[in-house]
Amino acid sequence: MRRCRLLTGLVVLALTACGSSSPGDRAAGGQDAAVGSDSPAWPGVGSAEEWRNPYLVACPDGYMLRGSPEVLPVGSLAEVLEALPDTCWPYGRVVAVQEAGMGSGFDKDSIEAMQRRILEALEALDMEVELFPSS
């Protein structure tokens, strides 16, 4: 029951972060849009604030989805990403990943290990990754 409430809360937060959406509202990109073309939709994106697709922050015990204060286990990644509406995927199947900042008080080795696990999980989901530097 807690997991269901958590997933529902994350989807609500993601909808807020991605803009309003209704079931019939679909963005031009979407999760199934082709990625890896010669001219990606995100060439001018230079910062996390400009990124419009899902954005993950690697923490020692899991990851945070932008817009959510909760740290989630890597095992939930597929379920969480699949629950996001197409409006959260204007660039296609590409996810931004960043290590938690060193000012967060986390252990650098633990964060790097978790980022590797996240990248492996995203690769298994056939997602492209855009790495952003930690803040």
C-alpha atoms as a PDB file:
ATOM      1  CA  MET A   1       0.000   0.000   0.000  1.00  0.00           C
ATOM      2  CA  ARG A   2       2.826   2.402   0.884  1.00  0.00           C
ATOM      3  CA  ARG A   3       4.537   1.653  -2.449  1.00  0.00           C
ATOM      4  CA  CYS A   4       1.333   2.432  -4.353  1.00  0.00           C
ATOM      5  CA  ARG A   5       0.921   5.750  -2.516  1.00  0.00           C
ATOM      6  CA  LEU A   6       4.577   6.580  -3.115  1.00  0.00           C
ATOM      7  CA  LEU A   7       4.330   5.849  -6.842  1.00  0.00           C
ATOM      8  CA  THR A   8       1.117   7.862  -7.108  1.00  0.00           C
ATOM      9  CA  GLY A   9       2.776  10.766  -5.293  1.00  0.00           C
ATOM     10  CA  LEU A  10       5.772  10.631  -7.617  1.00  0.00           C
ATOM     11  CA  VAL A  11       3.626  10.675 -10.717  1.00  0.00           C
ATOM     12  CA  VAL A  12       1.741  13.693  -9.367  1.00  0.00           C
ATOM     13  CA  LEU A  13       5.043  15.461  -8.672  1.00  0.00           C
ATOM     14  CA  ALA A  14       6.357  14.537 -12.109  1.00  0.00           C
ATOM     15  CA  LEU A  15       3.212  15.861 -13.750  1.00  0.00           C
ATOM     16  CA  THR A  16       3.733  19.105 -11.892  1.00  0.00           C
ATOM     17  CA  ALA A  17       7.362  19.256 -12.992  1.00  0.00           C
ATOM     18  CA  CYS A  18       6.480  18.413 -16.601  1.00  0.00           C
ATOM     19  CA  GLY A  19       3.480  20.730 -16.859  1.00  0.00           C
ATOM     20  CA  SER A  20      -0.191  19.915 -16.770  1.00  0.00           C
ATOM     21  CA  SER A  21      -1.351  16.917 -18.697  1.00  0.00           C
ATOM     22  CA  SER A  22      -4.530  15.061 -19.365  1.00  0.00           C
ATOM     23  CA  PRO A  23      -4.753  11.468 -20.616  1.00  0.00           C
ATOM     24  CA  GLY A  24      -5.371  12.656 -24.169  1.00  0.00           C
ATOM     25  CA  ASP A  25      -2.622  15.276 -24.087  1.00  0.00           C
ATOM     26  CA  ARG A  26       0.515  13.999 -25.837  1.00  0.00           C
ATOM     27  CA  ALA A  27       3.738  15.840 -26.517  1.00  0.00           C
ATOM     28  CA  ALA A  28       5.451  15.722 -29.886  1.00  0.00           C
ATOM     29  CA  GLY A  29       8.303  13.639 -28.453  1.00  0.00           C
ATOM     30  CA  GLY A  30       7.052  11.073 -26.018  1.00  0.00           C
ATOM     31  CA  GLN A  31       8.852   8.134 -24.490  1.00  0.00           C
ATOM     32  CA  ASP A  32       8.648   6.159 -27.732  1.00  0.00           C
ATOM     33  CA  ALA A  33      10.098   8.920 -29.912  1.00  0.00           C
ATOM     34  CA  ALA A  34      13.309   8.028 -31.695  1.00  0.00           C
ATOM     35  CA  VAL A  35      16.515   9.126 -30.020  1.00  0.00           C
ATOM     36  CA  GLY A  36      20.078   9.131 -31.191  1.00  0.00           C
ATOM     37  CA  SER A  37      19.340  10.977 -34.427  1.00  0.00           C
ATOM     38  CA  ASP A  38      21.855  13.359 -35.989  1.00  0.00           C
ATOM     39  CA  SER A  39      20.088  16.381 -34.498  1.00  0.00           C
ATOM     40  CA  PRO A  40      18.742  15.645 -31.013  1.00  0.00           C
ATOM     41  CA  ALA A  41      16.005  17.828 -29.544  1.00  0.00           C
ATOM     42  CA  TRP A  42      18.199  18.974 -26.652  1.00  0.00           C
ATOM     43  CA  PRO A  43      21.404  20.467 -28.162  1.00  0.00           C
ATOM     44  CA  GLY A  44      20.961  23.841 -26.468  1.00  0.00           C
ATOM     45  CA  VAL A  45      20.291  22.447 -22.994  1.00  0.00           C
ATOM     46  CA  GLY A  46      23.106  23.629 -20.785  1.00  0.00           C
ATOM     47  CA  SER A  47      21.745  23.246 -17.281  1.00  0.00           C
ATOM     48  CA  ALA A  48      19.453  21.138 -15.145  1.00  0.00           C
ATOM     49  CA  GLU A  49      16.897  23.949 -15.050  1.00  0.00           C
ATOM     50  CA  GLU A  50      16.521  23.790 -18.842  1.00  0.00           C
ATOM     51  CA  TRP A  51      16.150  19.994 -18.982  1.00  0.00           C
ATOM     52  CA  ARG A  52      12.561  18.912 -19.696  1.00  0.00           C
ATOM     53  CA  ASN A  53      12.837  15.098 -19.612  1.00  0.00           C
ATOM     54  CA  PRO A  54      13.132  13.018 -16.421  1.00  0.00           C
ATOM     55  CA  TYR A  55      16.079  14.083 -14.278  1.00  0.00           C
ATOM     56  CA  LEU A  56      17.603  11.720 -11.720  1.00  0.00           C
ATOM     57  CA  VAL A  57      20.024  12.505  -8.907  1.00  0.00           C
ATOM     58  CA  ALA A  58      22.169   9.593  -7.698  1.00  0.00           C
ATOM     59  CA  CYS A  59      22.306   9.312  -3.884  1.00  0.00           C
ATOM     60  CA  PRO A  60      24.066   6.661  -1.766  1.00  0.00           C
ATOM     61  CA  ASP A  61      20.841   4.687  -1.187  1.00  0.00           C
ATOM     62  CA  GLY A  62      19.045   5.195  -4.510  1.00  0.00           C
ATOM     63  CA  TYR A  63      17.944   8.110  -6.638  1.00  0.00           C
ATOM     64  CA  MET A  64      15.712  11.139  -6.492  1.00  0.00           C
ATOM     65  CA  LEU A  65      13.448  12.140  -9.355  1.00  0.00           C
ATOM     66  CA  ARG A  66      13.469  15.902  -9.843  1.00  0.00           C
ATOM     67  CA  GLY A  67      10.462  17.339  -8.059  1.00  0.00           C
ATOM     68  CA  SER A  68      10.447  14.650  -5.370  1.00  0.00           C
ATOM     69  CA  PRO A  69      12.238  14.865  -2.022  1.00  0.00           C
ATOM     70  CA  GLU A  70      12.172  11.074  -1.533  1.00  0.00           C
ATOM     71  CA  VAL A  71      15.089   8.760  -2.276  1.00  0.00           C
ATOM     72  CA  LEU A  72      13.843   5.761  -4.240  1.00  0.00           C
ATOM     73  CA  PRO A  73      15.470   2.353  -4.754  1.00  0.00           C
ATOM     74  CA  VAL A  74      17.000   1.612  -8.147  1.00  0.00           C
ATOM     75  CA  GLY A  75      14.625  -1.339  -8.436  1.00  0.00           C
ATOM     76  CA  SER A  76      11.711   1.102  -8.815  1.00  0.00           C
ATOM     77  CA  LEU A  77      13.265   2.952 -11.753  1.00  0.00           C
ATOM     78  CA  ALA A  78      11.449   1.128 -14.563  1.00  0.00           C
ATOM     79  CA  GLU A  79       8.079   1.412 -12.833  1.00  0.00           C
ATOM     80  CA  VAL A  80       8.519   5.120 -12.068  1.00  0.00           C
ATOM     81  CA  LEU A  81       9.701   6.053 -15.570  1.00  0.00           C
ATOM     82  CA  GLU A  82       6.982   4.013 -17.282  1.00  0.00           C
ATOM     83  CA  ALA A  83       4.336   5.769 -15.175  1.00  0.00           C
ATOM     84  CA  LEU A  84       5.336   9.197 -16.480  1.00  0.00           C
ATOM     85  CA  PRO A  85       3.126  10.658 -19.214  1.00  0.00           C
ATOM     86  CA  ASP A  86       4.412  11.450 -22.702  1.00  0.00           C
ATOM     87  CA  THR A  87       4.512  15.156 -21.819  1.00  0.00           C
ATOM     88  CA  CYS A  88       7.531  14.354 -19.626  1.00  0.00           C
ATOM     89  CA  TRP A  89       9.474  13.002 -22.631  1.00  0.00           C
ATOM     90  CA  PRO A  90       9.835  15.829 -25.209  1.00  0.00           C
ATOM     91  CA  TYR A  91      13.357  14.594 -26.114  1.00  0.00           C
ATOM     92  CA  GLY A  92      12.353  10.943 -26.458  1.00  0.00           C
ATOM     93  CA  ARG A  93      13.820   8.118 -24.357  1.00  0.00           C
ATOM     94  CA  VAL A  94      16.629  10.091 -22.734  1.00  0.00           C
ATOM     95  CA  VAL A  95      17.109  10.674 -19.008  1.00  0.00           C
ATOM     96  CA  ALA A  96      19.434  13.156 -17.304  1.00  0.00           C
ATOM     97  CA  VAL A  97      21.541  11.788 -14.454  1.00  0.00           C
ATOM     98  CA  GLN A  98      23.595  13.708 -11.918  1.00  0.00           C
ATOM     99  CA  GLU A  99      25.504  12.702  -8.809  1.00  0.00           C
ATOM    100  CA  ALA A 100      24.316  14.311  -5.582  1.00  0.00           C
ATOM    101  CA  GLY A 101      26.511  17.289  -4.772  1.00  0.00           C
ATOM    102  CA  MET A 102      29.369  16.837  -2.367  1.00  0.00           C
ATOM    103  CA  GLY A 103      27.827  19.535  -0.166  1.00  0.00           C
ATOM    104  CA  SER A 104      25.010  17.089   0.530  1.00  0.00           C
ATOM    105  CA  GLY A 105      27.182  15.304   3.099  1.00  0.00           C
ATOM    106  CA  PHE A 106      27.075  12.005   1.186  1.00  0.00           C
ATOM    107  CA  ASP A 107      30.056   9.728   0.653  1.00  0.00           C
ATOM    108  CA  LYS A 108      31.513  10.205  -2.844  1.00  0.00           C
ATOM    109  CA  ASP A 109      32.275   6.486  -3.342  1.00  0.00           C
ATOM    110  CA  SER A 110      28.704   5.492  -2.422  1.00  0.00           C
ATOM    111  CA  ILE A 111      27.262   8.075  -4.797  1.00  0.00           C
ATOM    112  CA  GLU A 112      29.501   6.947  -7.676  1.00  0.00           C
ATOM    113  CA  ALA A 113      28.567   3.304  -7.068  1.00  0.00           C
ATOM    114  CA  MET A 114      24.862   4.177  -7.099  1.00  0.00           C
ATOM    115  CA  GLN A 115      25.239   6.209 -10.282  1.00  0.00           C
ATOM    116  CA  ARG A 116      26.798   3.155 -11.960  1.00  0.00           C
ATOM    117  CA  ARG A 117      23.795   1.052 -10.863  1.00  0.00           C
ATOM    118  CA  ILE A 118      21.401   3.683 -12.199  1.00  0.00           C
ATOM    119  CA  LEU A 119      23.229   3.821 -15.538  1.00  0.00           C
ATOM    120  CA  GLU A 120      23.110   0.022 -15.805  1.00  0.00           C
ATOM    121  CA  ALA A 121      19.372   0.032 -15.065  1.00  0.00           C
ATOM    122  CA  LEU A 122      18.756   2.737 -17.684  1.00  0.00           C
ATOM    123  CA  GLU A 123      20.803   0.804 -20.241  1.00  0.00           C
ATOM    124  CA  ALA A 124      18.699  -2.299 -19.543  1.00  0.00           C
ATOM    125  CA  LEU A 125      15.602  -0.146 -20.218  1.00  0.00           C
ATOM    126  CA  ASP A 126      17.120   0.983 -23.545  1.00  0.00           C
ATOM    127  CA  MET A 127      17.246   4.596 -22.362  1.00  0.00           C
ATOM    128  CA  GLU A 128      19.819   7.123 -23.449  1.00  0.00           C
ATOM    129  CA  VAL A 129      21.541   9.126 -20.735  1.00  0.00           C
ATOM    130  CA  GLU A 130      22.656  12.737 -20.570  1.00  0.00           C
ATOM    131  CA  LEU A 131      25.106  13.194 -17.696  1.00  0.00           C
ATOM    132  CA  PHE A 132      25.097  16.507 -15.847  1.00  0.00           C
ATOM    133  CA  PRO A 133      27.852  17.517 -13.422  1.00  0.00           C
ATOM    134  CA  SER A 134      27.035  17.532  -9.733  1.00  0.00           C
ATOM    135  CA  SER A 135      26.327  20.911  -8.215  1.00  0.00           C
END
